[in-house]
Amino acid sequence: MIRKMILAILTTTFLLLSAIASADTVSQVWRCKLNEGKTAEDAQAINGEWLKRARELAGTDAITSTYVTAAVGDVGGFMWVDTFPDFATWAKLMDAEPDEELDAAFDELQTCEGSRLLQGQPTEAAK
């Protein structure tokens, strides 16, 4: 129960932070665990390759990807928070041909439970 609450708080925090940049921002959040013998550095290296390809395919550097771990407590893994400037950019990547070599590298690296696609809108402070 506490793990779920921590995960929900972390996910919400990062989504809200990413939404500040644009009300149209879309975030895809993946919940994952590193496979045995793999490190956060391995994850960053492979994800860096994914981010390079994603930006090339979408034609924008506005895509970001963040490796997120719990600051307090243990959620039993980590999250990827991939942020796109809008749904159209995200859709371009979903329509692109998969990179089978990169997909295999991710499969070797991690096991993910799945993802959620979320859109946030920042709240204006009351005056």
Protein backbone atom coordinates (compact mmCIF):
# COMPACT_ATOMS: atom_id res chain seq x y z
CA MET A 1 0.00 0.00 0.00
CA ILE A 2 2.76 2.45 0.93
CA ARG A 3 4.63 1.59 -2.27
CA LYS A 4 1.58 2.44 -4.33
CA MET A 5 1.14 5.74 -2.49
CA ILE A 6 4.80 6.69 -2.98
CA LEU A 7 4.61 5.73 -6.66
CA ALA A 8 1.46 7.81 -7.09
CA ILE A 9 3.05 10.83 -5.39
CA LEU A 10 6.25 10.57 -7.46
CA THR A 11 4.35 10.10 -10.70
CA THR A 12 2.08 13.05 -9.98
CA THR A 13 5.02 15.27 -9.00
CA PHE A 14 6.96 14.58 -12.18
CA LEU A 15 3.92 14.96 -14.37
CA LEU A 16 3.08 18.28 -12.80
CA LEU A 17 6.66 19.49 -13.20
CA SER A 18 6.71 18.49 -16.84
CA ALA A 19 3.29 20.05 -17.43
CA ILE A 20 4.53 23.46 -16.28
CA ALA A 21 6.39 23.85 -19.56
CA SER A 22 3.23 23.46 -21.64
CA ALA A 23 -0.42 22.72 -20.99
CA ASP A 24 -0.35 20.38 -24.00
CA THR A 25 2.53 18.28 -22.70
CA VAL A 26 2.03 14.52 -22.74
CA SER A 27 3.97 12.13 -20.50
CA GLN A 28 4.33 8.39 -20.79
CA VAL A 29 5.29 6.79 -17.48
CA TRP A 30 6.78 3.29 -17.43
CA ARG A 31 7.16 1.27 -14.19
CA CYS A 32 10.17 -1.05 -14.45
CA LYS A 33 12.77 -3.11 -12.62
CA LEU A 34 16.37 -3.59 -13.71
CA ASN A 35 17.17 -7.17 -14.63
CA GLU A 36 19.84 -8.96 -12.61
CA GLY A 37 23.32 -7.59 -13.18
CA LYS A 38 22.09 -4.38 -14.83
CA THR A 39 22.75 -0.91 -13.44
CA ALA A 40 21.25 2.56 -13.63
CA GLU A 41 24.24 3.51 -15.79
CA ASP A 42 23.33 0.71 -18.24
CA ALA A 43 19.78 2.04 -18.30
CA GLN A 44 20.91 5.62 -18.98
CA ALA A 45 23.18 4.51 -21.84
CA ILE A 46 20.47 2.50 -23.62
CA ASN A 47 17.82 5.13 -22.98
CA GLY A 48 20.15 7.79 -24.36
CA GLU A 49 20.14 5.88 -27.63
CA TRP A 50 16.35 5.69 -27.55
CA LEU A 51 16.09 9.44 -26.86
CA LYS A 52 18.41 10.26 -29.76
CA ARG A 53 16.32 8.13 -32.12
CA ALA A 54 13.02 9.52 -30.78
CA ARG A 55 14.15 13.11 -31.33
CA GLU A 56 15.36 12.31 -34.85
CA LEU A 57 12.10 10.56 -35.79
CA ALA A 58 9.93 13.31 -34.32
CA GLY A 59 12.08 16.14 -35.66
CA THR A 60 12.29 17.91 -32.29
CA ASP A 61 14.56 18.13 -29.26
CA ALA A 62 11.52 18.88 -27.08
CA ILE A 63 11.26 15.20 -26.09
CA THR A 64 12.78 14.40 -22.70
CA SER A 65 13.23 11.15 -20.79
CA THR A 66 13.95 10.87 -17.08
CA TYR A 67 15.10 7.88 -15.01
CA VAL A 68 13.13 8.23 -11.76
CA THR A 69 13.76 6.46 -8.47
CA ALA A 70 12.13 6.92 -5.09
CA ALA A 71 13.66 9.66 -2.94
CA VAL A 72 11.92 8.24 0.12
CA GLY A 73 10.88 4.61 0.51
CA ASP A 74 11.26 1.82 -1.98
CA VAL A 75 8.85 1.35 -4.86
CA GLY A 76 10.63 -1.81 -5.95
CA GLY A 77 12.12 -0.43 -9.13
CA PHE A 78 12.23 2.75 -11.14
CA MET A 79 10.20 4.69 -13.68
CA TRP A 80 10.89 6.20 -17.04
CA VAL A 81 9.03 9.48 -17.51
CA ASP A 82 9.07 10.30 -21.23
CA THR A 83 7.67 13.75 -21.98
CA PHE A 84 6.48 14.92 -25.39
CA PRO A 85 5.41 18.44 -26.41
CA ASP A 86 2.01 17.16 -27.64
CA PHE A 87 0.02 14.10 -28.70
CA ALA A 88 1.05 14.51 -32.34
CA THR A 89 4.74 14.10 -31.44
CA TRP A 90 4.00 11.03 -29.33
CA ALA A 91 1.89 9.57 -32.17
CA LYS A 92 4.76 10.01 -34.66
CA LEU A 93 6.89 7.74 -32.53
CA MET A 94 4.12 5.17 -32.13
CA ASP A 95 3.71 5.04 -35.93
CA ALA A 96 7.45 4.66 -36.59
CA GLU A 97 9.02 1.34 -37.49
CA PRO A 98 10.39 -0.32 -34.34
CA ASP A 99 14.13 -0.56 -33.83
CA GLU A 100 14.42 -4.27 -33.08
CA GLU A 101 18.01 -3.98 -31.82
CA LEU A 102 17.09 -1.22 -29.39
CA ASP A 103 13.96 -3.11 -28.28
CA ALA A 104 16.09 -6.19 -27.57
CA ALA A 105 18.55 -4.09 -25.55
CA PHE A 106 15.67 -2.77 -23.40
CA ASP A 107 14.31 -6.31 -22.93
CA GLU A 108 17.73 -7.45 -21.71
CA LEU A 109 18.02 -4.42 -19.44
CA GLN A 110 14.67 -4.25 -17.69
CA THR A 111 11.28 -5.75 -17.03
CA CYS A 112 8.41 -3.28 -17.17
CA GLU A 113 4.89 -3.71 -15.84
CA GLY A 114 3.46 -1.35 -18.41
CA SER A 115 2.91 2.33 -18.95
CA ARG A 116 0.35 5.06 -18.74
CA LEU A 117 -0.05 8.02 -21.06
CA LEU A 118 -0.96 11.13 -19.11
CA GLN A 119 -1.66 14.76 -19.85
CA GLY A 120 -1.53 17.46 -17.21
CA GLN A 121 -2.62 21.04 -16.94
CA PRO A 122 -0.89 23.38 -14.53
CA THR A 123 -2.97 25.15 -11.91
CA GLU A 124 -2.73 28.91 -11.63
CA ALA A 125 -2.18 30.23 -8.12
CA ALA A 126 -5.10 32.20 -6.73
CA LYS A 127 -4.64 35.97 -6.70
